Amino acid sequence: MPAISKEIKIALLGIVAILVFVFGYNYLKGTGLFSTTRIVAAEYDNVQGLTPSSYVQLQGFNIGMVKSIELSKQHPGKVVVEMSVQDDIQIPVDSRAAIASLDLLGTKAVALTLGKSSQMVENNQLIAGDVALGTIESLGAAATPAIDNAKLTLSSLNQTIQSINQMLDDKTKSGIQNTLTDMGKTMKSLSEFAAELNAQKAHISSLLANLDGFSDNLQKNNKTITGILNNAEVTTAHIKDLDLAGTLKALKTTMDGLQQTLDKVNHGKGSMAMLMNDDKLYINLKNTLATANNLLADVNARPSRYINVAIFGKKNKNDCPPQPAPNAND
């Protein structure tokens, strides 16, 4: 067997190195050395910095790369991006290819979103292109209207301040200063009031504790209070059932009769009135009582004069005059 020359060995080693390099490069791009690909194109108004060899991804997985970026000859103003994707990936015709940012540095890639059509994309067929804003672009797009609104607000505020400065004269400014001074005094008073409340915290706590105790006592004596209220209700019902009007009417009639009687007595009408108002009747009654008193005293002193009983012999006759009763003339 003839020996292999050194030159042939170097050539074979170079070929192997080239093959390993190509295989490794394709592997890093997500495509195998012997895998077949097909071309899928998409049109964009702006490729947003997309470059050839950028990744083509499906759900974050690399399935190909951007092959070329050219201006469209059929649709002026459009940019055609040709993508080389794995042939075993089924892509419906209604799928969309969106240019997206992979990181905060703005590295671009094409992200495929599969459609729902049953017809699949063929080689060199065009699908819809789209642009998906990244984080930085989204923040910039969201911040632009806010910045514009802030500029308008600052401009309006500047005009308002100028108008206020023109409207405020020295007297008005002095009034505002006095108002601010009064507000400071008011805030000081509020602070002192808060300190006073804080000092009275213990008293307020004691008062609240007493209220709690009173509430507990009310709750404990609930049955007693309910019984008292029920008794009061029953008493009120009994009073309601009484004929107060008739009773008051009868009492009024009695008082009227008594008043009439007293009027008659005061005006000397009737026996009672004569007995109370006539002096002669009093004097006669007094004399009659004095005479009856004298008679009883004499009967007591000399009963034989009035009761004469003779059993043996002659009765003794007593001719002595009647004796006056003691205190007869008093």
C-alpha atoms as a PDB file:
ATOM      1  CA  MET A   1       0.000   0.000   0.000  1.00  0.00           C
ATOM      2  CA  PRO A   2       1.576   3.243  -1.077  1.00  0.00           C
ATOM      3  CA  ALA A   3       2.083   5.815   1.673  1.00  0.00           C
ATOM      4  CA  ILE A   4      -0.155   8.889   1.738  1.00  0.00           C
ATOM      5  CA  SER A   5       1.808  11.966   1.140  1.00  0.00           C
ATOM      6  CA  LYS A   6       1.950  14.749   3.640  1.00  0.00           C
ATOM      7  CA  GLU A   7       0.183  17.141   1.274  1.00  0.00           C
ATOM      8  CA  ILE A   8      -2.804  14.798   0.894  1.00  0.00           C
ATOM      9  CA  LYS A   9      -3.072  14.464   4.667  1.00  0.00           C
ATOM     10  CA  ILE A  10      -3.098  18.251   5.063  1.00  0.00           C
ATOM     11  CA  ALA A  11      -5.752  18.558   2.319  1.00  0.00           C
ATOM     12  CA  LEU A  12      -7.964  15.902   3.945  1.00  0.00           C
ATOM     13  CA  LEU A  13      -7.553  17.559   7.334  1.00  0.00           C
ATOM     14  CA  GLY A  14      -8.562  20.909   5.841  1.00  0.00           C
ATOM     15  CA  ILE A  15     -11.658  19.368   4.217  1.00  0.00           C
ATOM     16  CA  VAL A  16     -12.657  17.761   7.507  1.00  0.00           C
ATOM     17  CA  ALA A  17     -12.157  21.075   9.327  1.00  0.00           C
ATOM     18  CA  ILE A  18     -14.327  22.876   6.769  1.00  0.00           C
ATOM     19  CA  LEU A  19     -17.052  20.245   7.108  1.00  0.00           C
ATOM     20  CA  VAL A  20     -16.943  20.473  10.915  1.00  0.00           C
ATOM     21  CA  PHE A  21     -17.120  24.269  10.699  1.00  0.00           C
ATOM     22  CA  VAL A  22     -20.126  24.180   8.364  1.00  0.00           C
ATOM     23  CA  PHE A  23     -21.843  21.570  10.486  1.00  0.00           C
ATOM     24  CA  GLY A  24     -21.194  23.519  13.679  1.00  0.00           C
ATOM     25  CA  TYR A  25     -22.342  26.786  12.101  1.00  0.00           C
ATOM     26  CA  ASN A  26     -25.589  25.225  10.890  1.00  0.00           C
ATOM     27  CA  TYR A  27     -26.073  23.540  14.242  1.00  0.00           C
ATOM     28  CA  LEU A  28     -25.689  26.831  16.068  1.00  0.00           C
ATOM     29  CA  LYS A  29     -28.210  28.389  13.673  1.00  0.00           C
ATOM     30  CA  GLY A  30     -30.689  25.624  14.474  1.00  0.00           C
ATOM     31  CA  THR A  31     -30.437  23.751  11.205  1.00  0.00           C
ATOM     32  CA  GLY A  32     -28.717  20.438  10.622  1.00  0.00           C
ATOM     33  CA  LEU A  33     -26.116  19.802   7.998  1.00  0.00           C
ATOM     34  CA  PHE A  34     -28.291  17.437   6.054  1.00  0.00           C
ATOM     35  CA  SER A  35     -31.666  19.036   6.813  1.00  0.00           C
ATOM     36  CA  THR A  36     -33.671  20.433   3.895  1.00  0.00           C
ATOM     37  CA  THR A  37     -35.128  23.944   3.923  1.00  0.00           C
ATOM     38  CA  ARG A  38     -37.589  25.980   1.949  1.00  0.00           C
ATOM     39  CA  ILE A  39     -37.899  29.701   1.326  1.00  0.00           C
ATOM     40  CA  VAL A  40     -40.764  31.704   2.865  1.00  0.00           C
ATOM     41  CA  ALA A  41     -41.074  35.434   2.130  1.00  0.00           C
ATOM     42  CA  ALA A  42     -42.855  38.299   3.862  1.00  0.00           C
ATOM     43  CA  GLU A  43     -43.322  42.009   3.056  1.00  0.00           C
ATOM     44  CA  TYR A  44     -42.850  44.885   5.543  1.00  0.00           C
ATOM     45  CA  ASP A  45     -43.133  48.638   5.514  1.00  0.00           C
ATOM     46  CA  ASN A  46     -40.096  48.860   7.807  1.00  0.00           C
ATOM     47  CA  VAL A  47     -37.779  46.024   8.850  1.00  0.00           C
ATOM     48  CA  GLN A  48     -36.840  47.825  12.115  1.00  0.00           C
ATOM     49  CA  GLY A  49     -33.101  47.000  11.814  1.00  0.00           C
ATOM     50  CA  LEU A  50     -33.556  43.341  10.836  1.00  0.00           C
ATOM     51  CA  THR A  51     -30.442  41.947   9.151  1.00  0.00           C
ATOM     52  CA  PRO A  52     -29.621  38.813   7.138  1.00  0.00           C
ATOM     53  CA  SER A  53     -28.738  35.763   9.264  1.00  0.00           C
ATOM     54  CA  SER A  54     -31.198  36.886  11.939  1.00  0.00           C
ATOM     55  CA  TYR A  55     -33.103  34.079  13.616  1.00  0.00           C
ATOM     56  CA  VAL A  56     -36.494  32.833  12.492  1.00  0.00           C
ATOM     57  CA  GLN A  57     -38.323  31.494  15.549  1.00  0.00           C
ATOM     58  CA  LEU A  58     -41.479  29.569  16.255  1.00  0.00           C
ATOM     59  CA  GLN A  59     -42.626  29.796  19.901  1.00  0.00           C
ATOM     60  CA  GLY A  60     -39.085  30.840  20.883  1.00  0.00           C
ATOM     61  CA  PHE A  61     -37.404  27.940  19.015  1.00  0.00           C
ATOM     62  CA  ASN A  62     -35.022  28.637  16.121  1.00  0.00           C
ATOM     63  CA  ILE A  63     -36.355  27.034  12.928  1.00  0.00           C
ATOM     64  CA  GLY A  64     -34.402  29.008  10.347  1.00  0.00           C
ATOM     65  CA  MET A  65     -32.701  32.258   9.471  1.00  0.00           C
ATOM     66  CA  VAL A  66     -33.211  35.359   7.370  1.00  0.00           C
ATOM     67  CA  LYS A  67     -31.642  34.724   3.991  1.00  0.00           C
ATOM     68  CA  SER A  68     -32.004  38.111   2.276  1.00  0.00           C
ATOM     69  CA  ILE A  69     -33.614  41.530   2.641  1.00  0.00           C
ATOM     70  CA  GLU A  70     -34.473  43.433  -0.554  1.00  0.00           C
ATOM     71  CA  LEU A  71     -36.804  46.178  -1.744  1.00  0.00           C
ATOM     72  CA  SER A  72     -39.914  44.797  -3.388  1.00  0.00           C
ATOM     73  CA  LYS A  73     -40.044  45.135  -7.153  1.00  0.00           C
ATOM     74  CA  GLN A  74     -43.740  44.296  -7.404  1.00  0.00           C
ATOM     75  CA  HIS A  75     -44.872  46.575  -4.529  1.00  0.00           C
ATOM     76  CA  PRO A  76     -42.821  49.775  -4.359  1.00  0.00           C
ATOM     77  CA  GLY A  77     -42.384  51.039  -0.802  1.00  0.00           C
ATOM     78  CA  LYS A  78     -42.326  47.529   0.600  1.00  0.00           C
ATOM     79  CA  VAL A  79     -39.354  45.452   1.800  1.00  0.00           C
ATOM     80  CA  VAL A  80     -39.235  41.734   1.021  1.00  0.00           C
ATOM     81  CA  VAL A  81     -37.599  39.462   3.581  1.00  0.00           C
ATOM     82  CA  GLU A  82     -36.771  35.928   2.458  1.00  0.00           C
ATOM     83  CA  MET A  83     -36.497  33.359   5.256  1.00  0.00           C
ATOM     84  CA  SER A  84     -34.991  29.909   5.078  1.00  0.00           C
ATOM     85  CA  VAL A  85     -36.952  27.585   7.373  1.00  0.00           C
ATOM     86  CA  GLN A  86     -36.879  23.880   8.012  1.00  0.00           C
ATOM     87  CA  ASP A  87     -38.882  21.966   5.431  1.00  0.00           C
ATOM     88  CA  ASP A  88     -40.502  19.704   8.026  1.00  0.00           C
ATOM     89  CA  ILE A  89     -42.241  22.674   9.734  1.00  0.00           C
ATOM     90  CA  GLN A  90     -45.814  22.953   8.464  1.00  0.00           C
ATOM     91  CA  ILE A  91     -46.738  26.628   8.059  1.00  0.00           C
ATOM     92  CA  PRO A  92     -50.381  27.491   7.156  1.00  0.00           C
ATOM     93  CA  VAL A  93     -50.883  30.173   4.515  1.00  0.00           C
ATOM     94  CA  ASP A  94     -52.642  32.506   6.992  1.00  0.00           C
ATOM     95  CA  SER A  95     -49.613  32.564   9.290  1.00  0.00           C
ATOM     96  CA  ARG A  96     -47.910  35.869  10.154  1.00  0.00           C
ATOM     97  CA  ALA A  97     -44.212  36.726  10.377  1.00  0.00           C
ATOM     98  CA  ALA A  98     -43.615  39.477  12.924  1.00  0.00           C
ATOM     99  CA  ILE A  99     -40.334  41.306  13.434  1.00  0.00           C
ATOM    100  CA  ALA A 100     -39.651  41.221  17.197  1.00  0.00           C
ATOM    101  CA  SER A 101     -36.871  42.209  19.595  1.00  0.00           C
ATOM    102  CA  LEU A 102     -35.028  39.385  21.335  1.00  0.00           C
ATOM    103  CA  ASP A 103     -33.484  41.489  24.136  1.00  0.00           C
ATOM    104  CA  LEU A 104     -33.209  45.002  25.522  1.00  0.00           C
ATOM    105  CA  LEU A 105     -30.321  45.718  23.177  1.00  0.00           C
ATOM    106  CA  GLY A 106     -32.688  45.565  20.199  1.00  0.00           C
ATOM    107  CA  THR A 107     -31.506  42.334  18.559  1.00  0.00           C
ATOM    108  CA  LYS A 108     -34.133  41.552  15.927  1.00  0.00           C
ATOM    109  CA  ALA A 109     -35.618  38.250  14.830  1.00  0.00           C
ATOM    110  CA  VAL A 110     -38.644  37.026  12.891  1.00  0.00           C
ATOM    111  CA  ALA A 111     -41.279  35.353  15.065  1.00  0.00           C
ATOM    112  CA  LEU A 112     -43.742  33.119  13.213  1.00  0.00           C
ATOM    113  CA  THR A 113     -47.334  32.862  14.399  1.00  0.00           C
ATOM    114  CA  LEU A 114     -49.069  29.860  12.832  1.00  0.00           C
ATOM    115  CA  GLY A 115     -52.512  30.325  11.367  1.00  0.00           C
ATOM    116  CA  LYS A 116     -55.474  27.943  11.298  1.00  0.00           C
ATOM    117  CA  SER A 117     -55.746  27.306   7.553  1.00  0.00           C
ATOM    118  CA  SER A 118     -55.538  23.735   6.269  1.00  0.00           C
ATOM    119  CA  GLN A 119     -53.473  24.891   3.237  1.00  0.00           C
ATOM    120  CA  MET A 120     -49.743  24.991   3.863  1.00  0.00           C
ATOM    121  CA  VAL A 121     -47.130  27.426   2.552  1.00  0.00           C
ATOM    122  CA  GLU A 122     -45.164  26.276  -0.466  1.00  0.00           C
ATOM    123  CA  ASN A 123     -41.599  27.208  -1.444  1.00  0.00           C
ATOM    124  CA  ASN A 124     -41.096  30.960  -2.169  1.00  0.00           C
ATOM    125  CA  GLN A 125     -44.692  31.720  -1.119  1.00  0.00           C
ATOM    126  CA  LEU A 126     -45.450  35.087   0.487  1.00  0.00           C
ATOM    127  CA  ILE A 127     -47.108  35.362   3.948  1.00  0.00           C
ATOM    128  CA  ALA A 128     -48.277  38.412   5.886  1.00  0.00           C
ATOM    129  CA  GLY A 129     -45.622  40.465   7.632  1.00  0.00           C
ATOM    130  CA  ASP A 130     -46.018  42.382  10.894  1.00  0.00           C
ATOM    131  CA  VAL A 131     -43.934  44.367  13.381  1.00  0.00           C
ATOM    132  CA  ALA A 132     -44.102  43.598  17.094  1.00  0.00           C
ATOM    133  CA  LEU A 133     -42.804  46.379  19.323  1.00  0.00           C
ATOM    134  CA  GLY A 134     -40.215  45.358  21.894  1.00  0.00           C
ATOM    135  CA  THR A 135     -39.990  46.542  25.472  1.00  0.00           C
ATOM    136  CA  ILE A 136     -37.998  49.671  24.666  1.00  0.00           C
ATOM    137  CA  GLU A 137     -40.157  50.524  21.654  1.00  0.00           C
ATOM    138  CA  SER A 138     -43.339  49.962  23.683  1.00  0.00           C
ATOM    139  CA  LEU A 139     -42.104  52.222  26.447  1.00  0.00           C
ATOM    140  CA  GLY A 140     -41.120  54.836  23.898  1.00  0.00           C
ATOM    141  CA  ALA A 141     -44.471  54.629  22.110  1.00  0.00           C
ATOM    142  CA  ALA A 142     -46.330  54.854  25.416  1.00  0.00           C
ATOM    143  CA  ALA A 143     -44.145  57.679  26.673  1.00  0.00           C
ATOM    144  CA  THR A 144     -44.488  59.866  23.579  1.00  0.00           C
ATOM    145  CA  PRO A 145     -48.179  60.801  24.145  1.00  0.00           C
ATOM    146  CA  ALA A 146     -47.478  61.306  27.834  1.00  0.00           C
ATOM    147  CA  ILE A 147     -44.585  63.633  27.028  1.00  0.00           C
ATOM    148  CA  ASP A 148     -46.751  65.573  24.584  1.00  0.00           C
ATOM    149  CA  ASN A 149     -49.516  65.876  27.186  1.00  0.00           C
ATOM    150  CA  ALA A 150     -46.957  66.977  29.794  1.00  0.00           C
ATOM    151  CA  LYS A 151     -45.701  69.685  27.437  1.00  0.00           C
ATOM    152  CA  LEU A 152     -49.254  70.929  26.861  1.00  0.00           C
ATOM    153  CA  THR A 153     -49.962  70.832  30.604  1.00  0.00           C
ATOM    154  CA  LEU A 154     -46.796  72.784  31.433  1.00  0.00           C
ATOM    155  CA  SER A 155     -47.633  75.339  28.752  1.00  0.00           C
ATOM    156  CA  SER A 156     -51.173  75.757  30.107  1.00  0.00           C
ATOM    157  CA  LEU A 157     -49.838  75.973  33.675  1.00  0.00           C
ATOM    158  CA  ASN A 158     -47.350  78.637  32.633  1.00  0.00           C
ATOM    159  CA  GLN A 159     -50.116  80.671  31.006  1.00  0.00           C
ATOM    160  CA  THR A 160     -52.319  80.243  34.084  1.00  0.00           C
ATOM    161  CA  ILE A 161     -49.547  81.422  36.416  1.00  0.00           C
ATOM    162  CA  GLN A 162     -48.920  84.450  34.218  1.00  0.00           C
ATOM    163  CA  SER A 163     -52.652  85.264  34.222  1.00  0.00           C
ATOM    164  CA  ILE A 164     -52.775  84.906  38.016  1.00  0.00           C
ATOM    165  CA  ASN A 165     -49.751  87.180  38.432  1.00  0.00           C
ATOM    166  CA  GLN A 166     -51.449  89.783  36.254  1.00  0.00           C
ATOM    167  CA  MET A 167     -54.702  89.530  38.246  1.00  0.00           C
ATOM    168  CA  LEU A 168     -53.102  89.728  41.696  1.00  0.00           C
ATOM    169  CA  ASP A 169     -52.467  93.271  42.873  1.00  0.00           C
ATOM    170  CA  ASP A 170     -50.710  94.276  46.109  1.00  0.00           C
ATOM    171  CA  LYS A 171     -53.967  94.297  48.082  1.00  0.00           C
ATOM    172  CA  THR A 172     -54.898  90.816  46.920  1.00  0.00           C
ATOM    173  CA  LYS A 173     -51.430  89.508  47.684  1.00  0.00           C
ATOM    174  CA  SER A 174     -51.686  91.017  51.162  1.00  0.00           C
ATOM    175  CA  GLY A 175     -55.075  89.326  51.633  1.00  0.00           C
ATOM    176  CA  ILE A 176     -53.618  85.984  50.567  1.00  0.00           C
ATOM    177  CA  GLN A 177     -50.732  86.477  52.986  1.00  0.00           C
ATOM    178  CA  ASN A 178     -53.189  87.222  55.806  1.00  0.00           C
ATOM    179  CA  THR A 179     -55.194  84.164  54.856  1.00  0.00           C
ATOM    180  CA  LEU A 180     -52.099  82.001  55.010  1.00  0.00           C
ATOM    181  CA  THR A 181     -51.276  83.516  58.413  1.00  0.00           C
ATOM    182  CA  ASP A 182     -54.777  82.733  59.663  1.00  0.00           C
ATOM    183  CA  MET A 183     -54.446  79.208  58.337  1.00  0.00           C
ATOM    184  CA  GLY A 184     -51.207  78.856  60.299  1.00  0.00           C
ATOM    185  CA  LYS A 185     -52.970  80.014  63.466  1.00  0.00           C
ATOM    186  CA  THR A 186     -55.806  77.599  62.787  1.00  0.00           C
ATOM    187  CA  MET A 187     -53.396  74.713  62.360  1.00  0.00           C
ATOM    188  CA  LYS A 188     -51.730  75.698  65.635  1.00  0.00           C
ATOM    189  CA  SER A 189     -55.118  75.724  67.375  1.00  0.00           C
ATOM    190  CA  LEU A 190     -55.898  72.307  65.912  1.00  0.00           C
ATOM    191  CA  SER A 191     -52.557  71.038  67.189  1.00  0.00           C
ATOM    192  CA  GLU A 192     -53.317  72.366  70.682  1.00  0.00           C
ATOM    193  CA  PHE A 193     -56.779  70.795  70.531  1.00  0.00           C
ATOM    194  CA  ALA A 194     -55.220  67.461  69.560  1.00  0.00           C
ATOM    195  CA  ALA A 195     -52.820  67.766  72.499  1.00  0.00           C
ATOM    196  CA  GLU A 196     -55.782  68.501  74.777  1.00  0.00           C
ATOM    197  CA  LEU A 197     -57.599  65.428  73.501  1.00  0.00           C
ATOM    198  CA  ASN A 198     -54.481  63.370  74.046  1.00  0.00           C
ATOM    199  CA  ALA A 199     -54.261  64.659  77.624  1.00  0.00           C
ATOM    200  CA  GLN A 200     -57.912  63.749  78.215  1.00  0.00           C
ATOM    201  CA  LYS A 201     -57.406  60.276  76.784  1.00  0.00           C
ATOM    202  CA  ALA A 202     -57.464  58.626  80.230  1.00  0.00           C
ATOM    203  CA  HIS A 203     -60.669  60.456  81.200  1.00  0.00           C
ATOM    204  CA  ILE A 204     -62.313  59.513  77.918  1.00  0.00           C
ATOM    205  CA  SER A 205     -61.244  55.884  78.403  1.00  0.00           C
ATOM    206  CA  SER A 206     -62.756  55.911  81.910  1.00  0.00           C
ATOM    207  CA  LEU A 207     -65.958  57.433  80.545  1.00  0.00           C
ATOM    208  CA  LEU A 208     -66.158  54.770  77.866  1.00  0.00           C
ATOM    209  CA  ALA A 209     -65.564  52.083  80.513  1.00  0.00           C
ATOM    210  CA  ASN A 210     -68.447  53.531  82.580  1.00  0.00           C
ATOM    211  CA  LEU A 211     -70.647  53.516  79.519  1.00  0.00           C
ATOM    212  CA  ASP A 212     -69.728  49.881  78.938  1.00  0.00           C
ATOM    213  CA  GLY A 213     -70.602  49.071  82.559  1.00  0.00           C
ATOM    214  CA  PHE A 214     -73.907  50.914  82.249  1.00  0.00           C
ATOM    215  CA  SER A 215     -74.646  48.999  79.066  1.00  0.00           C
ATOM    216  CA  ASP A 216     -73.828  45.715  80.825  1.00  0.00           C
ATOM    217  CA  ASN A 217     -76.140  46.600  83.715  1.00  0.00           C
ATOM    218  CA  LEU A 218     -78.917  47.434  81.287  1.00  0.00           C
ATOM    219  CA  GLN A 219     -78.383  44.108  79.573  1.00  0.00           C
ATOM    220  CA  LYS A 220     -78.367  42.220  82.897  1.00  0.00           C
ATOM    221  CA  ASN A 221     -81.567  43.976  84.077  1.00  0.00           C
ATOM    222  CA  ASN A 222     -83.258  43.651  80.747  1.00  0.00           C
ATOM    223  CA  LYS A 223     -85.886  41.251  82.096  1.00  0.00           C
ATOM    224  CA  THR A 224     -86.663  43.537  85.081  1.00  0.00           C
ATOM    225  CA  ILE A 225     -86.975  46.603  82.863  1.00  0.00           C
ATOM    226  CA  THR A 226     -89.163  44.646  80.473  1.00  0.00           C
ATOM    227  CA  GLY A 227     -91.419  43.590  83.387  1.00  0.00           C
ATOM    228  CA  ILE A 228     -91.702  47.204  84.606  1.00  0.00           C
ATOM    229  CA  LEU A 229     -92.606  48.380  81.133  1.00  0.00           C
ATOM    230  CA  ASN A 230     -95.181  45.585  80.824  1.00  0.00           C
ATOM    231  CA  ASN A 231     -96.724  46.549  84.201  1.00  0.00           C
ATOM    232  CA  ALA A 232     -96.789  50.187  83.148  1.00  0.00           C
ATOM    233  CA  GLU A 233     -98.469  49.158  79.922  1.00  0.00           C
ATOM    234  CA  VAL A 234    -101.091  47.118  81.831  1.00  0.00           C
ATOM    235  CA  THR A 235    -101.687  50.011  84.278  1.00  0.00           C
ATOM    236  CA  THR A 236    -102.040  52.404  81.374  1.00  0.00           C
ATOM    237  CA  ALA A 237    -104.523  50.043  79.751  1.00  0.00           C
ATOM    238  CA  HIS A 238    -106.566  49.865  83.019  1.00  0.00           C
ATOM    239  CA  ILE A 239    -106.528  53.643  83.347  1.00  0.00           C
ATOM    240  CA  LYS A 240    -107.642  53.878  79.765  1.00  0.00           C
ATOM    241  CA  ASP A 241    -110.550  51.509  80.508  1.00  0.00           C
ATOM    242  CA  LEU A 242    -111.733  53.670  83.465  1.00  0.00           C
ATOM    243  CA  ASP A 243    -114.523  56.176  82.861  1.00  0.00           C
ATOM    244  CA  LEU A 244    -112.432  59.177  83.833  1.00  0.00           C
ATOM    245  CA  ALA A 245    -114.776  61.558  82.089  1.00  0.00           C
ATOM    246  CA  GLY A 246    -117.791  60.254  84.030  1.00  0.00           C
ATOM    247  CA  THR A 247    -115.873  60.296  87.295  1.00  0.00           C
ATOM    248  CA  LEU A 248    -114.743  63.855  86.765  1.00  0.00           C
ATOM    249  CA  LYS A 249    -118.260  64.861  85.804  1.00  0.00           C
ATOM    250  CA  ALA A 250    -119.724  63.292  88.997  1.00  0.00           C
ATOM    251  CA  LEU A 251    -117.018  64.935  91.091  1.00  0.00           C
ATOM    252  CA  LYS A 252    -117.803  68.280  89.510  1.00  0.00           C
ATOM    253  CA  THR A 253    -121.513  67.801  90.271  1.00  0.00           C
ATOM    254  CA  THR A 254    -120.695  66.992  93.909  1.00  0.00           C
ATOM    255  CA  MET A 255    -118.457  70.036  94.214  1.00  0.00           C
ATOM    256  CA  ASP A 256    -121.154  72.231  92.705  1.00  0.00           C
ATOM    257  CA  GLY A 257    -123.688  70.896  95.258  1.00  0.00           C
ATOM    258  CA  LEU A 258    -121.273  71.470  98.110  1.00  0.00           C
ATOM    259  CA  GLN A 259    -120.613  74.985  96.857  1.00  0.00           C
ATOM    260  CA  GLN A 260    -124.346  75.702  96.741  1.00  0.00           C
ATOM    261  CA  THR A 261    -124.738  74.398 100.307  1.00  0.00           C
ATOM    262  CA  LEU A 262    -121.877  76.577 101.537  1.00  0.00           C
ATOM    263  CA  ASP A 263    -123.411  79.566  99.745  1.00  0.00           C
ATOM    264  CA  LYS A 264    -126.716  78.971 101.546  1.00  0.00           C
ATOM    265  CA  VAL A 265    -124.969  78.651 104.909  1.00  0.00           C
ATOM    266  CA  ASN A 266    -122.988  81.854 104.291  1.00  0.00           C
ATOM    267  CA  HIS A 267    -126.123  83.761 103.279  1.00  0.00           C
ATOM    268  CA  GLY A 268    -128.257  82.576 106.260  1.00  0.00           C
ATOM    269  CA  LYS A 269    -130.586  80.226 104.459  1.00  0.00           C
ATOM    270  CA  GLY A 270    -131.804  77.042 106.180  1.00  0.00           C
ATOM    271  CA  SER A 271    -131.590  75.693 109.730  1.00  0.00           C
ATOM    272  CA  MET A 272    -127.860  75.166 109.597  1.00  0.00           C
ATOM    273  CA  ALA A 273    -127.331  78.720 108.461  1.00  0.00           C
ATOM    274  CA  MET A 274    -129.616  80.056 111.231  1.00  0.00           C
ATOM    275  CA  LEU A 275    -127.853  77.891 113.808  1.00  0.00           C
ATOM    276  CA  MET A 276    -124.500  79.230 112.720  1.00  0.00           C
ATOM    277  CA  ASN A 277    -125.485  82.865 112.160  1.00  0.00           C
ATOM    278  CA  ASP A 278    -128.301  83.624 114.733  1.00  0.00           C
ATOM    279  CA  ASP A 279    -126.973  84.635 118.202  1.00  0.00           C
ATOM    280  CA  LYS A 280    -130.379  84.358 119.847  1.00  0.00           C
ATOM    281  CA  LEU A 281    -130.665  80.703 119.075  1.00  0.00           C
ATOM    282  CA  TYR A 282    -127.240  80.194 120.573  1.00  0.00           C
ATOM    283  CA  ILE A 283    -128.157  82.100 123.724  1.00  0.00           C
ATOM    284  CA  ASN A 284    -131.449  80.239 124.107  1.00  0.00           C
ATOM    285  CA  LEU A 285    -129.754  76.922 123.636  1.00  0.00           C
ATOM    286  CA  LYS A 286    -127.142  77.921 126.223  1.00  0.00           C
ATOM    287  CA  ASN A 287    -129.786  78.970 128.752  1.00  0.00           C
ATOM    288  CA  THR A 288    -131.745  75.772 128.187  1.00  0.00           C
ATOM    289  CA  LEU A 289    -128.655  73.705 128.820  1.00  0.00           C
ATOM    290  CA  ALA A 290    -127.948  75.759 131.992  1.00  0.00           C
ATOM    291  CA  THR A 291    -131.494  75.192 133.302  1.00  0.00           C
ATOM    292  CA  ALA A 292    -131.302  71.461 132.593  1.00  0.00           C
ATOM    293  CA  ASN A 293    -127.980  71.381 134.380  1.00  0.00           C
ATOM    294  CA  ASN A 294    -129.455  73.136 137.446  1.00  0.00           C
ATOM    295  CA  LEU A 295    -132.362  70.716 137.482  1.00  0.00           C
ATOM    296  CA  LEU A 296    -130.121  67.696 137.415  1.00  0.00           C
ATOM    297  CA  ALA A 297    -127.943  69.157 140.167  1.00  0.00           C
ATOM    298  CA  ASP A 298    -131.012  69.790 142.386  1.00  0.00           C
ATOM    299  CA  VAL A 299    -132.323  66.291 141.742  1.00  0.00           C
ATOM    300  CA  ASN A 300    -128.996  64.935 142.736  1.00  0.00           C
ATOM    301  CA  ALA A 301    -128.858  67.117 145.899  1.00  0.00           C
ATOM    302  CA  ARG A 302    -132.480  66.534 147.101  1.00  0.00           C
ATOM    303  CA  PRO A 303    -133.949  63.520 145.441  1.00  0.00           C
ATOM    304  CA  SER A 304    -136.739  63.313 148.081  1.00  0.00           C
ATOM    305  CA  ARG A 305    -138.202  66.491 146.787  1.00  0.00           C
ATOM    306  CA  TYR A 306    -138.923  64.879 143.484  1.00  0.00           C
ATOM    307  CA  ILE A 307    -139.313  61.241 144.525  1.00  0.00           C
ATOM    308  CA  ASN A 308    -141.486  60.925 147.696  1.00  0.00           C
ATOM    309  CA  VAL A 309    -141.930  57.332 148.924  1.00  0.00           C
ATOM    310  CA  ALA A 310    -143.455  56.815 152.461  1.00  0.00           C
ATOM    311  CA  ILE A 311    -143.308  53.347 153.885  1.00  0.00           C
ATOM    312  CA  PHE A 312    -143.884  54.003 157.571  1.00  0.00           C
ATOM    313  CA  GLY A 313    -145.177  57.230 159.090  1.00  0.00           C
ATOM    314  CA  LYS A 314    -145.488  60.673 157.627  1.00  0.00           C
ATOM    315  CA  LYS A 315    -143.278  61.932 154.821  1.00  0.00           C
ATOM    316  CA  ASN A 316    -140.868  64.778 155.411  1.00  0.00           C
ATOM    317  CA  LYS A 317    -141.507  67.790 153.317  1.00  0.00           C
ATOM    318  CA  ASN A 318    -138.543  69.757 152.250  1.00  0.00           C
ATOM    319  CA  ASP A 319    -139.371  73.340 151.443  1.00  0.00           C
ATOM    320  CA  CYS A 320    -135.860  74.438 150.659  1.00  0.00           C
ATOM    321  CA  PRO A 321    -135.530  76.274 147.368  1.00  0.00           C
ATOM    322  CA  PRO A 322    -133.719  74.521 144.464  1.00  0.00           C
ATOM    323  CA  GLN A 323    -129.946  74.716 144.585  1.00  0.00           C
ATOM    324  CA  PRO A 324    -128.244  76.195 141.595  1.00  0.00           C
ATOM    325  CA  ALA A 325    -126.053  73.874 139.645  1.00  0.00           C
ATOM    326  CA  PRO A 326    -122.343  74.508 139.818  1.00  0.00           C
ATOM    327  CA  ASN A 327    -121.075  76.684 137.003  1.00  0.00           C
ATOM    328  CA  ALA A 328    -124.576  77.328 135.837  1.00  0.00           C
ATOM    329  CA  ASN A 329    -123.940  80.917 134.899  1.00  0.00           C
ATOM    330  CA  ASP A 330    -120.496  80.439 133.478  1.00  0.00           C
END
